[in-house]
Amino acid sequence: MTALRFAFLHFYHLDKANATIHCADVRFSPITFELCKLLPNNEVFQEKTEVENHLGKYEVDGGR
């Protein structure tokens, strides 16, 4: 597993944990989206697909 994928998974799970703590739907952070975009297209896994499905569905909070 690459360092990029580890970094992506770190922020993915951090975003999920923050949503759980606040009893809210997950809204992925700008860094999670950016790391997702950097992952190779041929690398497909559940967490990446979930983040890709969130792209463009809500305004990204630039202050995060």
N, C-alpha and C. Protein backbone atom coordinates (compact mmCIF):
# COMPACT_ATOMS: atom_id res chain seq x y z
N MET A 1 0.85 -1.18 0.00
CA MET A 1 0.00 0.00 0.00
C MET A 1 0.89 1.24 0.00
N THR A 2 0.50 2.22 -0.77
CA THR A 2 1.32 3.42 -0.91
C THR A 2 1.05 4.42 0.22
N ALA A 3 1.99 5.34 0.39
CA ALA A 3 1.83 6.40 1.39
C ALA A 3 0.61 7.26 1.06
N LEU A 4 0.36 7.48 -0.22
CA LEU A 4 -0.80 8.26 -0.65
C LEU A 4 -2.10 7.59 -0.20
N ARG A 5 -2.17 6.29 -0.37
CA ARG A 5 -3.39 5.58 0.04
C ARG A 5 -3.54 5.60 1.56
N PHE A 6 -2.45 5.44 2.29
CA PHE A 6 -2.51 5.54 3.75
C PHE A 6 -3.00 6.91 4.19
N ALA A 7 -2.48 7.96 3.56
CA ALA A 7 -2.89 9.33 3.89
C ALA A 7 -4.39 9.52 3.60
N PHE A 8 -4.82 9.05 2.44
CA PHE A 8 -6.23 9.15 2.08
C PHE A 8 -7.10 8.44 3.12
N LEU A 9 -6.72 7.22 3.47
CA LEU A 9 -7.52 6.45 4.44
C LEU A 9 -7.53 7.11 5.82
N HIS A 10 -6.43 7.73 6.20
CA HIS A 10 -6.38 8.45 7.48
C HIS A 10 -7.46 9.54 7.51
N PHE A 11 -7.49 10.38 6.49
CA PHE A 11 -8.45 11.48 6.47
C PHE A 11 -9.87 10.99 6.23
N TYR A 12 -10.04 9.94 5.46
CA TYR A 12 -11.36 9.34 5.26
C TYR A 12 -11.94 8.93 6.61
N HIS A 13 -11.16 8.17 7.39
CA HIS A 13 -11.65 7.68 8.67
C HIS A 13 -11.79 8.81 9.69
N LEU A 14 -10.96 9.82 9.62
CA LEU A 14 -11.09 10.99 10.49
C LEU A 14 -12.41 11.71 10.21
N ASP A 15 -12.73 11.89 8.94
CA ASP A 15 -14.00 12.53 8.57
C ASP A 15 -15.19 11.70 9.04
N LYS A 16 -15.11 10.39 8.88
CA LYS A 16 -16.19 9.51 9.32
C LYS A 16 -16.35 9.58 10.84
N ALA A 17 -15.24 9.57 11.57
CA ALA A 17 -15.29 9.64 13.03
C ALA A 17 -15.88 10.96 13.50
N ASN A 18 -15.48 12.06 12.87
CA ASN A 18 -16.02 13.37 13.24
C ASN A 18 -17.53 13.43 13.02
N ALA A 19 -18.00 12.87 11.94
CA ALA A 19 -19.44 12.84 11.67
C ALA A 19 -20.16 12.01 12.73
N THR A 20 -19.58 10.90 13.11
CA THR A 20 -20.18 10.04 14.12
C THR A 20 -20.27 10.74 15.46
N ILE A 21 -19.21 11.43 15.85
CA ILE A 21 -19.20 12.15 17.12
C ILE A 21 -20.31 13.19 17.16
N HIS A 22 -20.58 13.84 16.03
CA HIS A 22 -21.59 14.89 15.95
C HIS A 22 -22.96 14.36 15.53
N CYS A 23 -23.09 13.04 15.41
CA CYS A 23 -24.36 12.41 14.99
C CYS A 23 -24.87 13.04 13.70
N ALA A 24 -23.97 13.21 12.75
CA ALA A 24 -24.31 13.87 11.48
C ALA A 24 -23.90 12.99 10.31
N ASP A 25 -24.43 13.33 9.16
CA ASP A 25 -23.99 12.66 7.93
C ASP A 25 -22.56 13.11 7.64
N VAL A 26 -21.79 12.21 7.09
CA VAL A 26 -20.40 12.56 6.78
C VAL A 26 -20.35 13.57 5.64
N ARG A 27 -19.47 14.54 5.79
CA ARG A 27 -19.15 15.51 4.74
C ARG A 27 -17.62 15.51 4.67
N PHE A 28 -17.11 14.98 3.59
CA PHE A 28 -15.67 14.82 3.50
C PHE A 28 -14.97 16.16 3.37
N SER A 29 -13.79 16.24 3.95
CA SER A 29 -13.00 17.47 3.98
C SER A 29 -12.28 17.69 2.65
N PRO A 30 -11.86 18.92 2.41
CA PRO A 30 -11.14 19.22 1.17
C PRO A 30 -9.90 18.33 0.97
N ILE A 31 -9.17 18.05 2.03
CA ILE A 31 -7.96 17.22 1.87
C ILE A 31 -8.33 15.80 1.47
N THR A 32 -9.43 15.29 1.99
CA THR A 32 -9.87 13.94 1.62
C THR A 32 -10.21 13.89 0.13
N PHE A 33 -10.94 14.92 -0.34
CA PHE A 33 -11.27 14.98 -1.77
C PHE A 33 -10.01 15.09 -2.63
N GLU A 34 -9.09 15.94 -2.23
CA GLU A 34 -7.87 16.14 -3.03
C GLU A 34 -7.02 14.87 -3.07
N LEU A 35 -6.88 14.19 -1.94
CA LEU A 35 -6.12 12.94 -1.92
C LEU A 35 -6.80 11.88 -2.78
N CYS A 36 -8.12 11.86 -2.74
CA CYS A 36 -8.88 10.90 -3.56
C CYS A 36 -8.59 11.13 -5.05
N LYS A 37 -8.57 12.39 -5.45
CA LYS A 37 -8.31 12.73 -6.85
C LYS A 37 -6.92 12.31 -7.30
N LEU A 38 -5.97 12.26 -6.36
CA LEU A 38 -4.59 11.89 -6.69
C LEU A 38 -4.37 10.39 -6.81
N LEU A 39 -5.30 9.60 -6.27
CA LEU A 39 -5.16 8.15 -6.34
C LEU A 39 -5.29 7.69 -7.80
N PRO A 40 -4.54 6.68 -8.19
CA PRO A 40 -4.63 6.18 -9.57
C PRO A 40 -6.04 5.70 -9.92
N ASN A 41 -6.45 5.94 -11.15
CA ASN A 41 -7.79 5.53 -11.61
C ASN A 41 -7.99 4.02 -11.54
N ASN A 42 -6.92 3.27 -11.71
CA ASN A 42 -7.05 1.81 -11.71
C ASN A 42 -7.09 1.24 -10.29
N GLU A 43 -6.93 2.08 -9.29
CA GLU A 43 -7.00 1.64 -7.90
C GLU A 43 -8.43 1.85 -7.41
N VAL A 44 -9.17 0.76 -7.25
CA VAL A 44 -10.57 0.84 -6.86
C VAL A 44 -10.75 0.12 -5.53
N PHE A 45 -11.34 0.84 -4.57
CA PHE A 45 -11.66 0.24 -3.28
C PHE A 45 -12.82 1.02 -2.68
N GLN A 46 -13.49 0.41 -1.71
CA GLN A 46 -14.76 0.92 -1.18
C GLN A 46 -14.68 2.38 -0.72
N GLU A 47 -13.67 2.73 0.05
CA GLU A 47 -13.57 4.08 0.60
C GLU A 47 -13.40 5.12 -0.50
N LYS A 48 -12.60 4.82 -1.49
CA LYS A 48 -12.40 5.74 -2.61
C LYS A 48 -13.70 5.95 -3.37
N THR A 49 -14.42 4.89 -3.63
CA THR A 49 -15.70 4.97 -4.34
C THR A 49 -16.70 5.82 -3.56
N GLU A 50 -16.72 5.66 -2.24
CA GLU A 50 -17.64 6.45 -1.42
C GLU A 50 -17.33 7.94 -1.52
N VAL A 51 -16.05 8.30 -1.44
CA VAL A 51 -15.67 9.71 -1.53
C VAL A 51 -15.98 10.25 -2.92
N GLU A 52 -15.69 9.48 -3.94
CA GLU A 52 -16.00 9.91 -5.32
C GLU A 52 -17.49 10.17 -5.49
N ASN A 53 -18.33 9.39 -4.83
CA ASN A 53 -19.78 9.57 -4.91
C ASN A 53 -20.23 10.86 -4.22
N HIS A 54 -19.41 11.40 -3.33
CA HIS A 54 -19.74 12.65 -2.64
C HIS A 54 -19.27 13.88 -3.41
N LEU A 55 -18.38 13.70 -4.38
CA LEU A 55 -17.86 14.84 -5.13
C LEU A 55 -18.99 15.63 -5.78
N GLY A 56 -19.03 16.94 -5.51
CA GLY A 56 -20.01 17.81 -6.12
C GLY A 56 -21.39 17.80 -5.50
N LYS A 57 -21.62 16.99 -4.47
CA LYS A 57 -22.94 16.90 -3.86
C LYS A 57 -23.18 17.98 -2.81
N TYR A 58 -22.12 18.62 -2.32
CA TYR A 58 -22.25 19.71 -1.36
C TYR A 58 -21.05 20.61 -1.49
N GLU A 59 -21.23 21.84 -1.01
CA GLU A 59 -20.15 22.81 -1.08
C GLU A 59 -19.04 22.39 -0.12
N VAL A 60 -17.82 22.39 -0.61
CA VAL A 60 -16.67 22.01 0.21
C VAL A 60 -16.33 23.17 1.13
N ASP A 61 -16.16 22.87 2.40
CA ASP A 61 -15.84 23.87 3.41
C ASP A 61 -14.36 24.20 3.35
N GLY A 62 -14.01 25.29 2.72
CA GLY A 62 -12.62 25.68 2.56
C GLY A 62 -11.93 26.07 3.86
N GLY A 63 -12.72 26.29 4.92
CA GLY A 63 -12.15 26.67 6.21
C GLY A 63 -11.74 25.50 7.07
N ARG A 64 -11.93 24.30 6.56
CA ARG A 64 -11.59 23.11 7.35
C ARG A 64 -10.15 22.77 7.21
